[in-house]
Amino acid sequence: MLDYLVLAMAPGMFWLWFFWRKDKYEKEPARYLMITFFLGVVMVFPALILEVVFELLFGVSSGVAGNIMVGIVEEACKFMAVFLFVYRKNEFNEVVDGIIYAAAAALGFASLENFFYILKFGPGVMVVRAVVSTLGHVLFASFWGYSLGVKKITGVDTVFIGLISAMGAHAIFNIILEAPYWWVNLLVIPLMIILYRSMSRKIERSLDESPFKEVIETAALVKCKACNKYVPRNVQFCPHCGNHVETVAPEMKCPKCGADVLPRSKYCSRCGERI
């Protein structure tokens, strides 16, 4: 049983690390990512209850209607895992954080789903689920995750549109996989490519607009006093003129929480304290 649990969780842990690395300028605390991940795990249970309720009330459990119902319920539950916990934290301070935390919740949800599928169909099911279904949960959630990030940072509210988009993508994904024809099942590949590219563009756009971009890129450079050109801080000699490069910008600490503070920062990126 333990080996099944490890097998179910391993892809989720890999993808969580993969997307955490995408957070280029101000990475999220590991503890918040893991809490969000396990909230995603917990949200499987209300999702199962709601799906049973919908089936009893409306008589839908399969087919197009059933897959639409699953998309609505599962995306709503994953959304609540982020909205009820980390959305209000000071660490949620970039648009891209919405995508990262959405990925964490989605991967927690997918990991427990994986465990149930292994119990039902055996370990071989993970050959497909490790890449297709586990990653798919992240791709769907990126719609509302990005919208949450935009709302938190800019105040522009497109969360409903993001949720509807995620639910629709999830339903289409399930309908394709459950189709009785193999050539229809293969359409999941171009669908995932389209969704991944869409998510990648959202991440790139979010990073480009990050409030930490300028200060980190500036902090990574130092001006050569001999030729006045900027060079990487970790070099000892200027590649432009050959003179010795002096490193400056001593390390700063937040007076409240003790976190490292980048040069020119006005607020601590961890606790929000004014520097």
C-alpha atoms as a PDB file:
ATOM      1  CA  MET A   1       0.000   0.000   0.000  1.00  0.00           C
ATOM      2  CA  LEU A   2       2.807   2.419   0.869  1.00  0.00           C
ATOM      3  CA  ASP A   3       4.513   1.749  -2.451  1.00  0.00           C
ATOM      4  CA  TYR A   4       1.255   2.582  -4.239  1.00  0.00           C
ATOM      5  CA  LEU A   5       1.010   5.852  -2.314  1.00  0.00           C
ATOM      6  CA  VAL A   6       4.589   6.793  -3.227  1.00  0.00           C
ATOM      7  CA  LEU A   7       3.933   5.918  -6.874  1.00  0.00           C
ATOM      8  CA  ALA A   8       0.795   8.072  -6.853  1.00  0.00           C
ATOM      9  CA  MET A   9       2.509  11.070  -5.222  1.00  0.00           C
ATOM     10  CA  ALA A  10       5.834  10.992  -7.091  1.00  0.00           C
ATOM     11  CA  PRO A  11       4.611  12.590 -10.362  1.00  0.00           C
ATOM     12  CA  GLY A  12       2.876  15.346  -8.395  1.00  0.00           C
ATOM     13  CA  MET A  13       6.051  16.099  -6.459  1.00  0.00           C
ATOM     14  CA  PHE A  14       8.062  16.222  -9.680  1.00  0.00           C
ATOM     15  CA  TRP A  15       5.649  18.596 -11.403  1.00  0.00           C
ATOM     16  CA  LEU A  16       5.448  20.757  -8.273  1.00  0.00           C
ATOM     17  CA  TRP A  17       9.247  21.141  -8.335  1.00  0.00           C
ATOM     18  CA  PHE A  18       9.122  21.775 -12.086  1.00  0.00           C
ATOM     19  CA  PHE A  19       6.639  24.630 -11.806  1.00  0.00           C
ATOM     20  CA  TRP A  20       8.197  26.045  -8.625  1.00  0.00           C
ATOM     21  CA  ARG A  21      11.367  26.581 -10.663  1.00  0.00           C
ATOM     22  CA  LYS A  22       9.343  28.694 -13.105  1.00  0.00           C
ATOM     23  CA  ASP A  23       8.874  31.275 -10.346  1.00  0.00           C
ATOM     24  CA  LYS A  24      11.963  33.140 -11.440  1.00  0.00           C
ATOM     25  CA  TYR A  25      12.184  36.268  -9.313  1.00  0.00           C
ATOM     26  CA  GLU A  26      10.628  35.618  -5.896  1.00  0.00           C
ATOM     27  CA  LYS A  27      10.063  31.946  -5.177  1.00  0.00           C
ATOM     28  CA  GLU A  28       7.225  30.874  -2.924  1.00  0.00           C
ATOM     29  CA  PRO A  29       7.944  29.396   0.537  1.00  0.00           C
ATOM     30  CA  ALA A  30       8.073  25.610   0.482  1.00  0.00           C
ATOM     31  CA  ARG A  31       5.742  25.383   3.484  1.00  0.00           C
ATOM     32  CA  TYR A  32       2.967  27.296   1.693  1.00  0.00           C
ATOM     33  CA  LEU A  33       3.388  25.193  -1.431  1.00  0.00           C
ATOM     34  CA  MET A  34       3.128  21.979   0.573  1.00  0.00           C
ATOM     35  CA  ILE A  35       0.124  23.194   2.573  1.00  0.00           C
ATOM     36  CA  THR A  36      -1.615  24.144  -0.677  1.00  0.00           C
ATOM     37  CA  PHE A  37      -0.654  20.765  -2.166  1.00  0.00           C
ATOM     38  CA  PHE A  38      -2.221  18.877   0.737  1.00  0.00           C
ATOM     39  CA  LEU A  39      -5.296  21.104   0.693  1.00  0.00           C
ATOM     40  CA  GLY A  40      -5.630  19.958  -2.912  1.00  0.00           C
ATOM     41  CA  VAL A  41      -5.470  16.372  -1.646  1.00  0.00           C
ATOM     42  CA  VAL A  42      -8.204  17.090   0.911  1.00  0.00           C
ATOM     43  CA  MET A  43     -10.428  18.724  -1.714  1.00  0.00           C
ATOM     44  CA  VAL A  44     -10.838  15.370  -3.467  1.00  0.00           C
ATOM     45  CA  PHE A  45     -13.339  14.352  -0.775  1.00  0.00           C
ATOM     46  CA  PRO A  46     -15.796  17.268  -1.110  1.00  0.00           C
ATOM     47  CA  ALA A  47     -15.464  16.836  -4.880  1.00  0.00           C
ATOM     48  CA  LEU A  48     -16.508  13.173  -4.591  1.00  0.00           C
ATOM     49  CA  ILE A  49     -19.446  14.108  -2.364  1.00  0.00           C
ATOM     50  CA  LEU A  50     -20.607  16.839  -4.744  1.00  0.00           C
ATOM     51  CA  GLU A  51     -20.330  14.518  -7.735  1.00  0.00           C
ATOM     52  CA  VAL A  52     -22.533  11.960  -5.963  1.00  0.00           C
ATOM     53  CA  VAL A  53     -25.048  14.687  -5.067  1.00  0.00           C
ATOM     54  CA  PHE A  54     -25.148  15.908  -8.672  1.00  0.00           C
ATOM     55  CA  GLU A  55     -25.638  12.342  -9.885  1.00  0.00           C
ATOM     56  CA  LEU A  56     -28.547  11.793  -7.480  1.00  0.00           C
ATOM     57  CA  LEU A  57     -30.186  15.124  -8.282  1.00  0.00           C
ATOM     58  CA  PHE A  58     -29.705  15.213 -12.037  1.00  0.00           C
ATOM     59  CA  GLY A  59     -28.976  11.600 -12.939  1.00  0.00           C
ATOM     60  CA  VAL A  60     -25.671  12.377 -14.677  1.00  0.00           C
ATOM     61  CA  SER A  61     -22.567  10.280 -14.068  1.00  0.00           C
ATOM     62  CA  SER A  62     -21.099   9.703 -17.524  1.00  0.00           C
ATOM     63  CA  GLY A  63     -21.212  10.979 -21.067  1.00  0.00           C
ATOM     64  CA  VAL A  64     -20.933  14.632 -22.027  1.00  0.00           C
ATOM     65  CA  ALA A  65     -23.144  15.856 -19.170  1.00  0.00           C
ATOM     66  CA  GLY A  66     -21.206  13.792 -16.633  1.00  0.00           C
ATOM     67  CA  ASN A  67     -17.865  15.131 -17.842  1.00  0.00           C
ATOM     68  CA  ILE A  68     -19.126  18.709 -17.708  1.00  0.00           C
ATOM     69  CA  MET A  69     -20.264  18.089 -14.129  1.00  0.00           C
ATOM     70  CA  VAL A  70     -16.853  16.661 -13.193  1.00  0.00           C
ATOM     71  CA  GLY A  71     -15.067  19.648 -14.726  1.00  0.00           C
ATOM     72  CA  ILE A  72     -17.235  22.100 -12.795  1.00  0.00           C
ATOM     73  CA  VAL A  73     -16.921  20.338  -9.437  1.00  0.00           C
ATOM     74  CA  GLU A  74     -13.213  19.509  -9.543  1.00  0.00           C
ATOM     75  CA  GLU A  75     -12.045  22.929 -10.723  1.00  0.00           C
ATOM     76  CA  ALA A  76     -14.237  24.649  -8.126  1.00  0.00           C
ATOM     77  CA  CYS A  77     -12.778  22.482  -5.351  1.00  0.00           C
ATOM     78  CA  LYS A  78      -9.177  23.053  -6.458  1.00  0.00           C
ATOM     79  CA  PHE A  79      -9.902  26.777  -6.659  1.00  0.00           C
ATOM     80  CA  MET A  80     -11.139  26.823  -3.058  1.00  0.00           C
ATOM     81  CA  ALA A  81      -7.906  25.170  -1.879  1.00  0.00           C
ATOM     82  CA  VAL A  82      -6.024  28.275  -3.044  1.00  0.00           C
ATOM     83  CA  PHE A  83      -8.632  30.947  -2.382  1.00  0.00           C
ATOM     84  CA  LEU A  84      -9.352  29.975   1.231  1.00  0.00           C
ATOM     85  CA  PHE A  85      -5.710  29.749   2.305  1.00  0.00           C
ATOM     86  CA  VAL A  86      -2.795  31.236   0.442  1.00  0.00           C
ATOM     87  CA  TYR A  87      -4.626  33.895  -1.592  1.00  0.00           C
ATOM     88  CA  ARG A  88      -4.747  36.174   1.451  1.00  0.00           C
ATOM     89  CA  LYS A  89      -1.109  35.665   2.443  1.00  0.00           C
ATOM     90  CA  ASN A  90       1.524  38.370   1.932  1.00  0.00           C
ATOM     91  CA  GLU A  91       3.646  35.840   0.052  1.00  0.00           C
ATOM     92  CA  PHE A  92       1.031  35.872  -2.731  1.00  0.00           C
ATOM     93  CA  ASN A  93       2.592  39.020  -4.206  1.00  0.00           C
ATOM     94  CA  GLU A  94       3.024  38.361  -7.947  1.00  0.00           C
ATOM     95  CA  VAL A  95       0.602  37.424 -10.707  1.00  0.00           C
ATOM     96  CA  VAL A  96       2.655  34.293 -11.396  1.00  0.00           C
ATOM     97  CA  ASP A  97       2.055  33.165  -7.804  1.00  0.00           C
ATOM     98  CA  GLY A  98      -1.547  32.456  -8.779  1.00  0.00           C
ATOM     99  CA  ILE A  99      -0.360  29.927 -11.350  1.00  0.00           C
ATOM    100  CA  ILE A 100       2.207  28.380  -8.990  1.00  0.00           C
ATOM    101  CA  TYR A 101      -0.268  27.889  -6.143  1.00  0.00           C
ATOM    102  CA  ALA A 102      -2.958  26.695  -8.558  1.00  0.00           C
ATOM    103  CA  ALA A 103      -0.455  24.097  -9.772  1.00  0.00           C
ATOM    104  CA  ALA A 104       0.228  23.019  -6.177  1.00  0.00           C
ATOM    105  CA  ALA A 105      -3.477  22.526  -5.411  1.00  0.00           C
ATOM    106  CA  ALA A 106      -4.075  20.784  -8.737  1.00  0.00           C
ATOM    107  CA  LEU A 107      -1.167  18.400  -8.189  1.00  0.00           C
ATOM    108  CA  GLY A 108      -2.355  17.511  -4.699  1.00  0.00           C
ATOM    109  CA  PHE A 109      -5.792  16.756  -6.114  1.00  0.00           C
ATOM    110  CA  ALA A 110      -4.337  14.714  -8.980  1.00  0.00           C
ATOM    111  CA  SER A 111      -2.048  12.760  -6.646  1.00  0.00           C
ATOM    112  CA  LEU A 112      -4.893  11.355  -4.552  1.00  0.00           C
ATOM    113  CA  GLU A 113      -6.818  10.636  -7.755  1.00  0.00           C
ATOM    114  CA  ASN A 114      -3.750   8.704  -8.935  1.00  0.00           C
ATOM    115  CA  PHE A 115      -3.830   6.633  -5.749  1.00  0.00           C
ATOM    116  CA  PHE A 116      -7.478   5.703  -6.267  1.00  0.00           C
ATOM    117  CA  TYR A 117      -6.794   4.779  -9.898  1.00  0.00           C
ATOM    118  CA  ILE A 118      -3.845   2.571  -8.882  1.00  0.00           C
ATOM    119  CA  LEU A 119      -6.061   0.742  -6.372  1.00  0.00           C
ATOM    120  CA  LYS A 120      -8.681   0.181  -9.067  1.00  0.00           C
ATOM    121  CA  PHE A 121      -6.585  -0.539 -12.172  1.00  0.00           C
ATOM    122  CA  GLY A 122      -3.105  -1.377 -10.878  1.00  0.00           C
ATOM    123  CA  PRO A 123       0.267   0.466 -11.022  1.00  0.00           C
ATOM    124  CA  GLY A 124       0.404   0.315 -14.830  1.00  0.00           C
ATOM    125  CA  VAL A 125      -2.183   3.087 -15.050  1.00  0.00           C
ATOM    126  CA  MET A 126       0.497   5.571 -13.951  1.00  0.00           C
ATOM    127  CA  VAL A 127       2.315   5.211 -17.276  1.00  0.00           C
ATOM    128  CA  VAL A 128      -0.336   7.496 -18.737  1.00  0.00           C
ATOM    129  CA  ARG A 129      -1.573   9.361 -15.672  1.00  0.00           C
ATOM    130  CA  ALA A 130       1.900  10.567 -14.593  1.00  0.00           C
ATOM    131  CA  VAL A 131       2.131  12.774 -17.667  1.00  0.00           C
ATOM    132  CA  VAL A 132      -1.337  13.160 -19.133  1.00  0.00           C
ATOM    133  CA  SER A 133      -3.803  13.405 -16.252  1.00  0.00           C
ATOM    134  CA  THR A 134      -1.478  14.794 -13.567  1.00  0.00           C
ATOM    135  CA  LEU A 135      -0.123  17.537 -15.814  1.00  0.00           C
ATOM    136  CA  GLY A 136      -3.610  18.073 -17.233  1.00  0.00           C
ATOM    137  CA  HIS A 137      -4.903  19.143 -13.820  1.00  0.00           C
ATOM    138  CA  VAL A 138      -2.252  21.882 -13.735  1.00  0.00           C
ATOM    139  CA  LEU A 139      -3.056  23.079 -17.249  1.00  0.00           C
ATOM    140  CA  PHE A 140      -6.750  23.459 -16.415  1.00  0.00           C
ATOM    141  CA  ALA A 141      -6.059  25.222 -13.118  1.00  0.00           C
ATOM    142  CA  SER A 142      -3.687  27.704 -14.763  1.00  0.00           C
ATOM    143  CA  PHE A 143      -6.725  29.567 -16.148  1.00  0.00           C
ATOM    144  CA  TRP A 144      -8.192  30.484 -12.781  1.00  0.00           C
ATOM    145  CA  GLY A 145      -4.754  30.646 -11.144  1.00  0.00           C
ATOM    146  CA  TYR A 146      -3.674  33.393 -13.528  1.00  0.00           C
ATOM    147  CA  SER A 147      -6.968  35.225 -12.989  1.00  0.00           C
ATOM    148  CA  LEU A 148      -6.518  35.034  -9.205  1.00  0.00           C
ATOM    149  CA  GLY A 149      -3.016  36.485  -9.551  1.00  0.00           C
ATOM    150  CA  VAL A 150      -4.265  39.335 -11.733  1.00  0.00           C
ATOM    151  CA  LYS A 151      -7.058  40.121  -9.270  1.00  0.00           C
ATOM    152  CA  LYS A 152      -4.728  40.073  -6.249  1.00  0.00           C
ATOM    153  CA  ILE A 153      -2.053  42.291  -7.817  1.00  0.00           C
ATOM    154  CA  THR A 154      -3.996  44.610 -10.141  1.00  0.00           C
ATOM    155  CA  GLY A 155      -7.571  44.432  -8.866  1.00  0.00           C
ATOM    156  CA  VAL A 156      -8.902  43.438 -12.303  1.00  0.00           C
ATOM    157  CA  ASP A 157     -11.445  40.685 -11.678  1.00  0.00           C
ATOM    158  CA  THR A 158     -11.549  37.981 -14.373  1.00  0.00           C
ATOM    159  CA  VAL A 159     -11.758  35.084 -11.916  1.00  0.00           C
ATOM    160  CA  PHE A 160     -15.179  33.915 -13.141  1.00  0.00           C
ATOM    161  CA  ILE A 161     -13.908  33.798 -16.727  1.00  0.00           C
ATOM    162  CA  GLY A 162     -10.828  31.902 -15.559  1.00  0.00           C
ATOM    163  CA  LEU A 163     -12.959  29.366 -13.702  1.00  0.00           C
ATOM    164  CA  ILE A 164     -15.311  28.825 -16.633  1.00  0.00           C
ATOM    165  CA  SER A 165     -12.317  28.369 -18.964  1.00  0.00           C
ATOM    166  CA  ALA A 166     -10.757  25.806 -16.612  1.00  0.00           C
ATOM    167  CA  MET A 167     -14.024  23.908 -16.252  1.00  0.00           C
ATOM    168  CA  GLY A 168     -14.518  23.871 -20.017  1.00  0.00           C
ATOM    169  CA  ALA A 169     -10.977  22.672 -20.734  1.00  0.00           C
ATOM    170  CA  HIS A 170     -11.326  19.967 -18.084  1.00  0.00           C
ATOM    171  CA  ALA A 171     -14.627  18.760 -19.544  1.00  0.00           C
ATOM    172  CA  ILE A 172     -13.268  18.672 -23.113  1.00  0.00           C
ATOM    173  CA  PHE A 173     -10.209  16.729 -21.898  1.00  0.00           C
ATOM    174  CA  ASN A 174     -12.389  14.100 -20.198  1.00  0.00           C
ATOM    175  CA  ILE A 175     -14.771  13.814 -23.149  1.00  0.00           C
ATOM    176  CA  ILE A 176     -11.848  13.170 -25.516  1.00  0.00           C
ATOM    177  CA  LEU A 177     -10.334  10.497 -23.262  1.00  0.00           C
ATOM    178  CA  GLU A 178     -13.656   8.695 -22.783  1.00  0.00           C
ATOM    179  CA  ALA A 179     -14.537   8.656 -26.491  1.00  0.00           C
ATOM    180  CA  PRO A 180     -14.975   5.110 -27.882  1.00  0.00           C
ATOM    181  CA  TYR A 181     -12.596   5.718 -30.797  1.00  0.00           C
ATOM    182  CA  TRP A 182      -8.807   5.622 -30.373  1.00  0.00           C
ATOM    183  CA  TRP A 183      -8.239   8.326 -32.972  1.00  0.00           C
ATOM    184  CA  VAL A 184     -10.439  10.672 -30.919  1.00  0.00           C
ATOM    185  CA  ASN A 185      -8.464   9.777 -27.783  1.00  0.00           C
ATOM    186  CA  LEU A 186      -5.280  10.931 -29.551  1.00  0.00           C
ATOM    187  CA  LEU A 187      -6.722  14.439 -29.813  1.00  0.00           C
ATOM    188  CA  VAL A 188      -5.740  14.857 -26.168  1.00  0.00           C
ATOM    189  CA  ILE A 189      -2.135  15.370 -27.347  1.00  0.00           C
ATOM    190  CA  PRO A 190      -2.732  18.546 -29.406  1.00  0.00           C
ATOM    191  CA  LEU A 191      -5.140  19.752 -26.699  1.00  0.00           C
ATOM    192  CA  MET A 192      -2.421  19.479 -24.046  1.00  0.00           C
ATOM    193  CA  ILE A 193       0.120  21.185 -26.301  1.00  0.00           C
ATOM    194  CA  ILE A 194      -2.278  24.100 -26.820  1.00  0.00           C
ATOM    195  CA  LEU A 195      -3.023  24.335 -23.086  1.00  0.00           C
ATOM    196  CA  TYR A 196       0.661  24.124 -22.144  1.00  0.00           C
ATOM    197  CA  ARG A 197       1.583  26.893 -24.573  1.00  0.00           C
ATOM    198  CA  SER A 198      -1.242  29.015 -23.220  1.00  0.00           C
ATOM    199  CA  MET A 199      -0.002  28.499 -19.670  1.00  0.00           C
ATOM    200  CA  SER A 200       3.603  29.218 -20.683  1.00  0.00           C
ATOM    201  CA  ARG A 201       2.544  32.535 -22.212  1.00  0.00           C
ATOM    202  CA  LYS A 202       0.724  33.426 -19.003  1.00  0.00           C
ATOM    203  CA  ILE A 203       3.828  32.614 -16.959  1.00  0.00           C
ATOM    204  CA  GLU A 204       6.101  34.639 -19.246  1.00  0.00           C
ATOM    205  CA  ARG A 205       3.714  37.605 -19.178  1.00  0.00           C
ATOM    206  CA  SER A 206       3.438  37.398 -15.391  1.00  0.00           C
ATOM    207  CA  LEU A 207       7.204  37.271 -14.909  1.00  0.00           C
ATOM    208  CA  ASP A 208       7.725  40.174 -17.280  1.00  0.00           C
ATOM    209  CA  GLU A 209       5.336  42.271 -15.174  1.00  0.00           C
ATOM    210  CA  SER A 210       6.710  41.077 -11.818  1.00  0.00           C
ATOM    211  CA  PRO A 211       7.467  43.884  -9.337  1.00  0.00           C
ATOM    212  CA  PHE A 212      10.635  41.983  -8.414  1.00  0.00           C
ATOM    213  CA  LYS A 213      12.043  41.774 -11.945  1.00  0.00           C
ATOM    214  CA  GLU A 214      13.863  45.096 -12.039  1.00  0.00           C
ATOM    215  CA  VAL A 215      15.336  44.913  -8.564  1.00  0.00           C
ATOM    216  CA  ILE A 216      16.622  41.350  -9.016  1.00  0.00           C
ATOM    217  CA  GLU A 217      18.056  41.933 -12.467  1.00  0.00           C
ATOM    218  CA  THR A 218      19.700  45.125 -11.207  1.00  0.00           C
ATOM    219  CA  ALA A 219      21.017  43.369  -8.109  1.00  0.00           C
ATOM    220  CA  ALA A 220      22.629  40.730 -10.329  1.00  0.00           C
ATOM    221  CA  LEU A 221      24.765  43.375 -12.069  1.00  0.00           C
ATOM    222  CA  VAL A 222      27.467  45.774 -10.982  1.00  0.00           C
ATOM    223  CA  LYS A 223      28.969  48.687 -12.884  1.00  0.00           C
ATOM    224  CA  CYS A 224      32.650  48.535 -13.772  1.00  0.00           C
ATOM    225  CA  LYS A 225      34.230  51.760 -12.485  1.00  0.00           C
ATOM    226  CA  ALA A 226      36.792  51.767 -15.291  1.00  0.00           C
ATOM    227  CA  CYS A 227      34.484  51.545 -18.339  1.00  0.00           C
ATOM    228  CA  ASN A 228      31.046  52.214 -16.757  1.00  0.00           C
ATOM    229  CA  LYS A 229      29.523  49.076 -18.277  1.00  0.00           C
ATOM    230  CA  TYR A 230      27.355  46.636 -16.306  1.00  0.00           C
ATOM    231  CA  VAL A 231      28.783  43.164 -15.771  1.00  0.00           C
ATOM    232  CA  PRO A 232      27.622  40.094 -13.780  1.00  0.00           C
ATOM    233  CA  ARG A 233      28.248  40.500 -10.059  1.00  0.00           C
ATOM    234  CA  ASN A 234      30.063  37.170  -9.755  1.00  0.00           C
ATOM    235  CA  VAL A 235      32.947  38.062 -12.135  1.00  0.00           C
ATOM    236  CA  GLN A 236      36.271  39.332 -10.804  1.00  0.00           C
ATOM    237  CA  PHE A 237      37.450  41.071 -13.966  1.00  0.00           C
ATOM    238  CA  CYS A 238      35.444  43.142 -16.433  1.00  0.00           C
ATOM    239  CA  PRO A 239      34.983  41.302 -19.765  1.00  0.00           C
ATOM    240  CA  HIS A 240      34.895  44.688 -21.540  1.00  0.00           C
ATOM    241  CA  CYS A 241      38.057  46.370 -20.254  1.00  0.00           C
ATOM    242  CA  GLY A 242      39.862  43.775 -18.138  1.00  0.00           C
ATOM    243  CA  ASN A 243      39.910  45.834 -14.939  1.00  0.00           C
ATOM    244  CA  HIS A 244      39.149  44.338 -11.547  1.00  0.00           C
ATOM    245  CA  VAL A 245      35.450  44.590 -10.641  1.00  0.00           C
ATOM    246  CA  GLU A 246      34.482  45.609  -7.117  1.00  0.00           C
ATOM    247  CA  THR A 247      31.323  44.019  -5.762  1.00  0.00           C
ATOM    248  CA  VAL A 248      29.059  46.238  -3.733  1.00  0.00           C
ATOM    249  CA  ALA A 249      25.490  46.196  -2.417  1.00  0.00           C
ATOM    250  CA  PRO A 250      25.914  44.628   1.047  1.00  0.00           C
ATOM    251  CA  GLU A 251      23.242  42.208   2.188  1.00  0.00           C
ATOM    252  CA  MET A 252      20.211  43.680   3.956  1.00  0.00           C
ATOM    253  CA  LYS A 253      17.834  42.012   6.397  1.00  0.00           C
ATOM    254  CA  CYS A 254      14.186  42.727   7.138  1.00  0.00           C
ATOM    255  CA  PRO A 255      13.960  44.234  10.650  1.00  0.00           C
ATOM    256  CA  LYS A 256      10.732  42.326  11.313  1.00  0.00           C
ATOM    257  CA  CYS A 257      11.198  38.776   9.997  1.00  0.00           C
ATOM    258  CA  GLY A 258      14.934  38.669   9.240  1.00  0.00           C
ATOM    259  CA  ALA A 259      14.511  37.675   5.595  1.00  0.00           C
ATOM    260  CA  ASP A 260      17.086  38.718   3.002  1.00  0.00           C
ATOM    261  CA  VAL A 261      16.074  41.979   1.337  1.00  0.00           C
ATOM    262  CA  LEU A 262      17.241  42.947  -2.127  1.00  0.00           C
ATOM    263  CA  PRO A 263      18.891  46.325  -2.719  1.00  0.00           C
ATOM    264  CA  ARG A 264      16.450  49.157  -3.497  1.00  0.00           C
ATOM    265  CA  SER A 265      13.514  47.243  -2.002  1.00  0.00           C
ATOM    266  CA  LYS A 266      10.886  49.342  -0.239  1.00  0.00           C
ATOM    267  CA  TYR A 267       9.075  46.395   1.337  1.00  0.00           C
ATOM    268  CA  CYS A 268      10.052  42.938   2.535  1.00  0.00           C
ATOM    269  CA  SER A 269       8.917  40.341   0.000  1.00  0.00           C
ATOM    270  CA  ARG A 270       8.182  37.811   2.774  1.00  0.00           C
ATOM    271  CA  CYS A 271       6.209  39.752   5.405  1.00  0.00           C
ATOM    272  CA  GLY A 272       5.411  43.080   3.715  1.00  0.00           C
ATOM    273  CA  GLU A 273       7.238  45.200   6.311  1.00  0.00           C
ATOM    274  CA  ARG A 274       8.396  48.596   5.060  1.00  0.00           C
ATOM    275  CA  ILE A 275      12.207  48.709   4.905  1.00  0.00           C
END
